[in-house]
């Protein structure tokens, strides 16, 4: 892969994918009382993760049906990011390369 713009776009999408995964794991750790959300450092990290993920998760939560305590928006966002990555690579190799 020689194109630096393609590399940058795919890397940013990869980083965002990992931010979503870290946010999901952190929310599970809070839900099972493994980490204390009242700790200042933990609260700061959780707030940063929430601010990074909310712009994508909030619209997805409005679209997806309410399943009680199950939030499917991270899974839909991860699938969307993977699809977008593959679509960008497909476009690049089929039309721009």
Protein backbone atom coordinates (compact mmCIF):
# COMPACT_ATOMS: atom_id res chain seq x y z
CA UNK A 1 0.00 0.00 0.00
CA UNK A 2 1.84 3.07 -1.27
CA UNK A 3 -0.79 5.76 -0.80
CA UNK A 4 -0.22 7.74 2.45
CA UNK A 5 -3.80 9.09 2.44
CA UNK A 6 -5.23 5.59 2.31
CA UNK A 7 -2.91 4.56 5.14
CA UNK A 8 -3.98 7.57 7.23
CA UNK A 9 -7.70 6.97 6.73
CA UNK A 10 -7.43 3.26 7.57
CA UNK A 11 -5.25 3.97 10.61
CA UNK A 12 -7.69 6.55 12.00
CA UNK A 13 -10.56 4.08 11.52
CA UNK A 14 -8.49 1.38 13.28
CA UNK A 15 -7.79 3.67 16.22
CA UNK A 16 -11.47 4.57 16.51
CA UNK A 17 -12.38 0.88 16.39
CA UNK A 18 -10.06 0.25 19.34
CA UNK A 19 -11.49 3.23 21.22
CA UNK A 20 -14.96 1.67 20.90
CA UNK A 21 -13.67 -1.70 22.11
CA UNK A 22 -11.92 -0.08 25.10
CA UNK A 23 -15.10 1.86 25.91
CA UNK A 24 -17.16 -1.36 25.86
CA UNK A 25 -14.71 -3.21 28.11
CA UNK A 26 -14.52 -0.24 30.50
CA UNK A 27 -18.31 -0.06 30.73
CA UNK A 28 -18.41 -3.78 31.56
CA UNK A 29 -15.77 -3.31 34.23
CA UNK A 30 -17.85 -0.53 35.78
CA UNK A 31 -21.07 -2.59 35.54
CA UNK A 32 -19.46 -5.54 37.35
CA UNK A 33 -17.86 -3.27 40.01
CA UNK A 34 -14.34 -4.23 38.99
CA UNK A 35 -13.24 -0.62 38.63
CA UNK A 36 -14.47 2.27 40.72
CA UNK A 37 -16.06 5.07 38.64
CA UNK A 38 -15.71 7.43 41.62
CA UNK A 39 -11.93 7.40 41.27
CA UNK A 40 -10.85 10.65 39.58
CA UNK A 41 -8.50 8.99 37.05
CA UNK A 42 -11.04 6.33 36.12
CA UNK A 43 -13.79 8.95 35.81
CA UNK A 44 -11.59 11.09 33.54
CA UNK A 45 -10.82 8.12 31.29
CA UNK A 46 -14.47 7.07 31.16
CA UNK A 47 -15.59 10.61 30.31
CA UNK A 48 -12.97 10.87 27.55
CA UNK A 49 -14.06 7.54 26.08
CA UNK A 50 -17.72 8.57 26.27
CA UNK A 51 -17.01 11.88 24.54
CA UNK A 52 -15.12 10.11 21.78
CA UNK A 53 -17.76 7.44 21.19
CA UNK A 54 -21.03 9.32 21.81
CA UNK A 55 -21.14 11.14 18.45
CA UNK A 56 -21.37 7.75 16.72
CA UNK A 57 -23.29 5.80 19.36
CA UNK A 58 -26.07 8.31 20.05
CA UNK A 59 -27.56 8.25 16.51
CA UNK A 60 -27.24 4.46 16.41
CA UNK A 61 -29.10 4.12 19.71
CA UNK A 62 -31.96 6.19 18.28
CA UNK A 63 -32.21 3.89 15.23
CA UNK A 64 -31.77 0.51 16.95
CA UNK A 65 -34.67 -1.04 18.86
CA UNK A 66 -34.62 -0.94 22.66
CA UNK A 67 -33.62 -4.38 23.95
CA UNK A 68 -33.69 -3.54 27.63
CA UNK A 69 -30.18 -3.61 29.09
CA UNK A 70 -28.48 -4.74 25.88
CA UNK A 71 -26.80 -2.02 23.84
CA UNK A 72 -26.09 -3.17 20.28
CA UNK A 73 -24.76 0.18 19.09
CA UNK A 74 -21.06 -0.69 19.65
CA UNK A 75 -21.43 -3.86 17.59
CA UNK A 76 -23.17 -1.97 14.78
CA UNK A 77 -20.49 0.75 14.90
CA UNK A 78 -17.68 -1.82 14.75
CA UNK A 79 -19.31 -3.58 11.81
CA UNK A 80 -19.79 -0.22 10.12
CA UNK A 81 -16.13 0.72 10.58
CA UNK A 82 -14.93 -2.63 9.22
CA UNK A 83 -17.28 -2.27 6.25
CA UNK A 84 -16.07 1.28 5.63
CA UNK A 85 -12.42 0.18 5.74
CA UNK A 86 -12.99 -2.60 3.24
CA UNK A 87 -15.13 -0.37 1.03
CA UNK A 88 -12.40 2.29 0.93
CA UNK A 89 -9.76 -0.30 0.02
CA UNK A 90 -12.04 -1.77 -2.65
CA UNK A 91 -12.66 1.68 -4.13
CA UNK A 92 -8.97 2.46 -4.11
CA UNK A 93 -7.87 -0.71 -5.85
CA UNK A 94 -10.75 -0.79 -8.34
CA UNK A 95 -10.97 2.87 -9.33
CA UNK A 96 -7.94 4.82 -8.16
CA UNK A 97 -4.98 2.47 -8.43
